[in-house]
Amino acid sequence: MNTDELLNWVSINNIVERATKAFWSYIGNYKVEEPDEYKISFGDIDLKHLEISLSKISLTVSYRFDDPIHFVSVFIEGKYEEEEICVYESLFSLDGDALDDYLRFTG
């Protein structure tokens, strides 16, 4: 898959929109399911002021398992008061199915 094909695939499968929606869902679930960890991670940050932006989309072939796995990663940065505080990564199969996601704190 070349760059144009990847960008077309991203557009056809609404990947950026789906990853953005999944980011906010992840944050909401984190707040409800892990309130103590959430408080430690986000402190007094008002999520209305959390700015998010797409930082990267990449096609990956992982050789960590017996058979190579192909997927697309979407990275969304979360900034508060101009400082990056987290990066969310959402993984999609080449069929467009959501595979996994996680949040990493950077600040």
N, C-alpha and C. Protein backbone atom coordinates (compact mmCIF):
# COMPACT_ATOMS: atom_id res chain seq x y z
N MET A 1 0.86 -1.17 0.00
CA MET A 1 0.00 0.00 0.00
C MET A 1 0.91 1.23 0.00
N ASN A 2 0.75 2.08 -1.01
CA ASN A 2 1.54 3.31 -1.04
C ASN A 2 0.81 4.41 -0.26
N THR A 3 1.41 5.58 -0.18
CA THR A 3 0.86 6.67 0.63
C THR A 3 -0.53 7.08 0.15
N ASP A 4 -0.70 7.24 -1.15
CA ASP A 4 -2.02 7.63 -1.67
C ASP A 4 -3.07 6.58 -1.36
N GLU A 5 -2.71 5.31 -1.48
CA GLU A 5 -3.65 4.23 -1.15
C GLU A 5 -4.00 4.24 0.33
N LEU A 6 -3.00 4.49 1.17
CA LEU A 6 -3.24 4.55 2.62
C LEU A 6 -4.20 5.71 2.94
N LEU A 7 -3.93 6.88 2.39
CA LEU A 7 -4.80 8.03 2.65
C LEU A 7 -6.21 7.80 2.14
N ASN A 8 -6.35 7.14 1.00
CA ASN A 8 -7.66 6.80 0.48
C ASN A 8 -8.36 5.81 1.41
N TRP A 9 -7.63 4.80 1.88
CA TRP A 9 -8.18 3.82 2.81
C TRP A 9 -8.64 4.51 4.10
N VAL A 10 -7.84 5.44 4.60
CA VAL A 10 -8.19 6.19 5.81
C VAL A 10 -9.50 6.95 5.59
N SER A 11 -9.62 7.58 4.44
CA SER A 11 -10.83 8.35 4.12
C SER A 11 -12.05 7.44 3.97
N ILE A 12 -11.93 6.39 3.20
CA ILE A 12 -13.06 5.48 2.96
C ILE A 12 -13.57 4.86 4.25
N ASN A 13 -12.65 4.53 5.16
CA ASN A 13 -13.02 3.86 6.41
C ASN A 13 -13.26 4.83 7.58
N ASN A 14 -13.26 6.14 7.29
CA ASN A 14 -13.50 7.16 8.34
C ASN A 14 -12.60 6.96 9.55
N ILE A 15 -11.35 6.64 9.31
CA ILE A 15 -10.44 6.26 10.38
C ILE A 15 -10.17 7.40 11.36
N VAL A 16 -9.94 8.60 10.86
CA VAL A 16 -9.64 9.72 11.75
C VAL A 16 -10.84 10.03 12.64
N GLU A 17 -12.02 10.06 12.05
CA GLU A 17 -13.23 10.34 12.83
C GLU A 17 -13.48 9.24 13.87
N ARG A 18 -13.29 8.01 13.46
CA ARG A 18 -13.50 6.88 14.39
C ARG A 18 -12.48 6.90 15.51
N ALA A 19 -11.23 7.21 15.21
CA ALA A 19 -10.19 7.27 16.24
C ALA A 19 -10.46 8.42 17.21
N THR A 20 -10.92 9.55 16.68
CA THR A 20 -11.23 10.69 17.54
C THR A 20 -12.39 10.35 18.48
N LYS A 21 -13.43 9.75 17.95
CA LYS A 21 -14.56 9.33 18.78
C LYS A 21 -14.11 8.30 19.82
N ALA A 22 -13.26 7.37 19.41
CA ALA A 22 -12.75 6.35 20.33
C ALA A 22 -11.89 6.96 21.43
N PHE A 23 -11.14 8.02 21.10
CA PHE A 23 -10.33 8.72 22.11
C PHE A 23 -11.23 9.24 23.24
N TRP A 24 -12.28 9.96 22.86
CA TRP A 24 -13.16 10.53 23.88
C TRP A 24 -13.90 9.44 24.66
N SER A 25 -14.25 8.37 23.99
CA SER A 25 -14.87 7.24 24.67
C SER A 25 -13.90 6.62 25.67
N TYR A 26 -12.66 6.45 25.26
CA TYR A 26 -11.63 5.88 26.13
C TYR A 26 -11.47 6.75 27.39
N ILE A 27 -11.40 8.07 27.20
CA ILE A 27 -11.25 8.99 28.33
C ILE A 27 -12.44 8.88 29.26
N GLY A 28 -13.65 8.86 28.70
CA GLY A 28 -14.86 8.74 29.52
C GLY A 28 -14.90 7.44 30.30
N ASN A 29 -14.55 6.35 29.65
CA ASN A 29 -14.52 5.05 30.34
C ASN A 29 -13.45 5.02 31.42
N TYR A 30 -12.30 5.61 31.13
CA TYR A 30 -11.20 5.67 32.10
C TYR A 30 -11.65 6.40 33.37
N LYS A 31 -12.35 7.51 33.17
CA LYS A 31 -12.82 8.31 34.31
C LYS A 31 -13.80 7.53 35.18
N VAL A 32 -14.67 6.74 34.54
CA VAL A 32 -15.69 5.97 35.27
C VAL A 32 -15.11 4.69 35.88
N GLU A 33 -14.30 3.97 35.10
CA GLU A 33 -13.82 2.66 35.53
C GLU A 33 -12.60 2.72 36.45
N GLU A 34 -11.79 3.75 36.31
CA GLU A 34 -10.57 3.88 37.13
C GLU A 34 -10.46 5.29 37.69
N PRO A 35 -11.41 5.70 38.54
CA PRO A 35 -11.44 7.10 38.99
C PRO A 35 -10.18 7.55 39.73
N ASP A 36 -9.56 6.66 40.50
CA ASP A 36 -8.36 7.06 41.23
C ASP A 36 -7.19 7.28 40.28
N GLU A 37 -7.00 6.35 39.34
CA GLU A 37 -5.93 6.51 38.34
C GLU A 37 -6.20 7.73 37.46
N TYR A 38 -7.45 7.92 37.11
CA TYR A 38 -7.82 9.07 36.28
C TYR A 38 -7.43 10.36 36.99
N LYS A 39 -7.74 10.46 38.26
CA LYS A 39 -7.43 11.67 39.04
C LYS A 39 -5.92 11.90 39.10
N ILE A 40 -5.16 10.83 39.27
CA ILE A 40 -3.69 10.96 39.29
C ILE A 40 -3.19 11.41 37.91
N SER A 41 -3.74 10.83 36.86
CA SER A 41 -3.28 11.12 35.49
C SER A 41 -3.69 12.51 35.01
N PHE A 42 -4.93 12.88 35.25
CA PHE A 42 -5.44 14.14 34.72
C PHE A 42 -5.53 15.26 35.74
N GLY A 43 -5.40 14.92 37.03
CA GLY A 43 -5.46 15.96 38.04
C GLY A 43 -6.73 16.79 37.92
N ASP A 44 -6.56 18.10 37.90
CA ASP A 44 -7.69 19.02 37.83
C ASP A 44 -7.94 19.54 36.41
N ILE A 45 -7.43 18.84 35.41
CA ILE A 45 -7.60 19.28 34.02
C ILE A 45 -9.07 19.22 33.64
N ASP A 46 -9.57 20.32 33.14
CA ASP A 46 -10.93 20.38 32.63
C ASP A 46 -10.88 19.89 31.18
N LEU A 47 -11.51 18.75 30.92
CA LEU A 47 -11.43 18.14 29.59
C LEU A 47 -11.99 19.03 28.49
N LYS A 48 -12.82 20.01 28.85
CA LYS A 48 -13.31 20.95 27.84
C LYS A 48 -12.16 21.76 27.25
N HIS A 49 -11.04 21.83 27.98
CA HIS A 49 -9.89 22.60 27.52
C HIS A 49 -8.76 21.72 27.01
N LEU A 50 -9.01 20.43 26.91
CA LEU A 50 -8.02 19.51 26.36
C LEU A 50 -8.11 19.60 24.83
N GLU A 51 -7.00 19.96 24.21
CA GLU A 51 -6.96 20.06 22.75
C GLU A 51 -6.36 18.77 22.20
N ILE A 52 -7.04 18.22 21.21
CA ILE A 52 -6.51 17.01 20.59
C ILE A 52 -6.22 17.28 19.12
N SER A 53 -5.21 16.58 18.61
CA SER A 53 -4.88 16.72 17.20
C SER A 53 -4.27 15.42 16.70
N LEU A 54 -4.53 15.15 15.44
CA LEU A 54 -3.96 13.99 14.78
C LEU A 54 -2.47 14.24 14.61
N SER A 55 -1.64 13.30 15.05
CA SER A 55 -0.20 13.50 14.92
C SER A 55 0.45 12.57 13.91
N LYS A 56 -0.14 11.38 13.72
CA LYS A 56 0.50 10.44 12.81
C LYS A 56 -0.46 9.31 12.45
N ILE A 57 -0.32 8.83 11.22
CA ILE A 57 -0.99 7.61 10.77
C ILE A 57 0.08 6.76 10.12
N SER A 58 0.16 5.50 10.54
CA SER A 58 1.21 4.65 9.98
C SER A 58 0.68 3.25 9.69
N LEU A 59 1.22 2.68 8.63
CA LEU A 59 0.96 1.29 8.28
C LEU A 59 2.10 0.48 8.88
N THR A 60 1.76 -0.57 9.62
CA THR A 60 2.76 -1.36 10.32
C THR A 60 2.64 -2.82 9.96
N VAL A 61 3.78 -3.46 9.83
CA VAL A 61 3.85 -4.92 9.73
C VAL A 61 4.64 -5.37 10.94
N SER A 62 3.99 -6.05 11.85
CA SER A 62 4.63 -6.51 13.09
C SER A 62 5.03 -7.97 12.96
N TYR A 63 6.28 -8.23 13.32
CA TYR A 63 6.80 -9.60 13.25
C TYR A 63 6.96 -10.21 14.65
N ARG A 64 6.24 -9.69 15.61
CA ARG A 64 6.34 -10.16 17.00
C ARG A 64 5.73 -11.54 17.19
N PHE A 65 4.91 -11.97 16.27
CA PHE A 65 4.20 -13.24 16.41
C PHE A 65 4.64 -14.19 15.30
N ASP A 66 4.15 -15.41 15.32
CA ASP A 66 4.54 -16.40 14.30
C ASP A 66 4.24 -15.92 12.88
N ASP A 67 3.07 -15.34 12.72
CA ASP A 67 2.69 -14.80 11.42
C ASP A 67 2.69 -13.27 11.51
N PRO A 68 3.23 -12.60 10.50
CA PRO A 68 3.22 -11.13 10.52
C PRO A 68 1.79 -10.59 10.61
N ILE A 69 1.64 -9.50 11.33
CA ILE A 69 0.34 -8.84 11.48
C ILE A 69 0.44 -7.47 10.83
N HIS A 70 -0.53 -7.14 9.99
CA HIS A 70 -0.58 -5.86 9.31
C HIS A 70 -1.68 -5.01 9.95
N PHE A 71 -1.38 -3.76 10.27
CA PHE A 71 -2.39 -2.87 10.83
C PHE A 71 -2.01 -1.42 10.61
N VAL A 72 -2.98 -0.56 10.80
CA VAL A 72 -2.78 0.88 10.71
C VAL A 72 -2.92 1.45 12.11
N SER A 73 -1.96 2.29 12.49
CA SER A 73 -1.99 2.98 13.77
C SER A 73 -2.33 4.45 13.55
N VAL A 74 -3.21 4.97 14.39
CA VAL A 74 -3.57 6.38 14.37
C VAL A 74 -3.17 6.95 15.72
N PHE A 75 -2.39 8.03 15.70
CA PHE A 75 -1.91 8.66 16.92
C PHE A 75 -2.58 10.02 17.09
N ILE A 76 -3.16 10.24 18.26
CA ILE A 76 -3.80 11.51 18.58
C ILE A 76 -3.13 12.07 19.83
N GLU A 77 -2.64 13.30 19.73
CA GLU A 77 -2.01 13.96 20.86
C GLU A 77 -3.04 14.75 21.65
N GLY A 78 -2.90 14.71 22.97
CA GLY A 78 -3.72 15.52 23.84
C GLY A 78 -2.86 16.59 24.48
N LYS A 79 -3.26 17.86 24.32
CA LYS A 79 -2.50 18.98 24.89
C LYS A 79 -3.40 19.79 25.82
N TYR A 80 -2.78 20.26 26.89
CA TYR A 80 -3.47 21.12 27.83
C TYR A 80 -2.55 22.29 28.12
N GLU A 81 -3.06 23.48 27.89
CA GLU A 81 -2.27 24.71 28.05
C GLU A 81 -0.95 24.62 27.30
N GLU A 82 -1.04 24.20 26.04
CA GLU A 82 0.09 24.12 25.11
C GLU A 82 1.11 23.03 25.44
N GLU A 83 0.85 22.19 26.43
CA GLU A 83 1.78 21.12 26.80
C GLU A 83 1.16 19.76 26.48
N GLU A 84 1.91 18.94 25.77
CA GLU A 84 1.43 17.60 25.48
C GLU A 84 1.37 16.80 26.78
N ILE A 85 0.21 16.21 27.03
CA ILE A 85 0.08 15.41 28.24
C ILE A 85 -0.16 13.93 27.95
N CYS A 86 -0.65 13.62 26.74
CA CYS A 86 -0.92 12.22 26.42
C CYS A 86 -0.91 11.99 24.92
N VAL A 87 -0.73 10.72 24.58
CA VAL A 87 -0.85 10.27 23.19
C VAL A 87 -1.74 9.04 23.20
N TYR A 88 -2.75 9.08 22.37
CA TYR A 88 -3.69 7.97 22.22
C TYR A 88 -3.35 7.27 20.91
N GLU A 89 -3.28 5.95 20.95
CA GLU A 89 -3.04 5.18 19.73
C GLU A 89 -4.19 4.21 19.52
N SER A 90 -4.75 4.24 18.32
CA SER A 90 -5.83 3.35 17.95
C SER A 90 -5.35 2.51 16.78
N LEU A 91 -5.55 1.19 16.87
CA LEU A 91 -5.09 0.26 15.85
C LEU A 91 -6.27 -0.29 15.06
N PHE A 92 -6.10 -0.36 13.73
CA PHE A 92 -7.14 -0.85 12.84
C PHE A 92 -6.58 -1.93 11.92
N SER A 93 -7.38 -2.97 11.70
CA SER A 93 -7.00 -3.98 10.72
C SER A 93 -7.11 -3.37 9.33
N LEU A 94 -6.53 -4.03 8.35
CA LEU A 94 -6.63 -3.54 6.97
C LEU A 94 -8.04 -3.70 6.41
N ASP A 95 -8.89 -4.41 7.14
CA ASP A 95 -10.31 -4.50 6.79
C ASP A 95 -11.09 -3.31 7.36
N GLY A 96 -10.43 -2.48 8.16
CA GLY A 96 -11.07 -1.32 8.76
C GLY A 96 -11.65 -1.57 10.13
N ASP A 97 -11.45 -2.77 10.68
CA ASP A 97 -11.98 -3.09 12.01
C ASP A 97 -11.06 -2.54 13.09
N ALA A 98 -11.65 -2.02 14.17
CA ALA A 98 -10.86 -1.57 15.32
C ALA A 98 -10.27 -2.80 16.00
N LEU A 99 -8.96 -2.74 16.29
CA LEU A 99 -8.29 -3.87 16.92
C LEU A 99 -7.99 -3.63 18.40
N ASP A 100 -7.42 -2.49 18.70
CA ASP A 100 -6.99 -2.22 20.07
C ASP A 100 -6.72 -0.73 20.18
N ASP A 101 -6.59 -0.25 21.40
CA ASP A 101 -6.20 1.14 21.63
C ASP A 101 -5.58 1.27 23.00
N TYR A 102 -4.82 2.31 23.16
CA TYR A 102 -4.25 2.59 24.47
C TYR A 102 -3.87 4.06 24.58
N LEU A 103 -3.69 4.50 25.82
CA LEU A 103 -3.36 5.88 26.13
C LEU A 103 -2.05 5.89 26.89
N ARG A 104 -1.15 6.74 26.46
CA ARG A 104 0.16 6.88 27.10
C ARG A 104 0.30 8.32 27.56
N PHE A 105 0.69 8.51 28.80
CA PHE A 105 0.88 9.87 29.34
C PHE A 105 2.32 10.30 29.12
N THR A 106 2.47 11.53 28.66
CA THR A 106 3.80 12.03 28.29
C THR A 106 4.26 13.19 29.16
N GLY A 107 3.36 13.86 29.82
CA GLY A 107 3.73 15.06 30.58
C GLY A 107 3.67 14.88 32.05
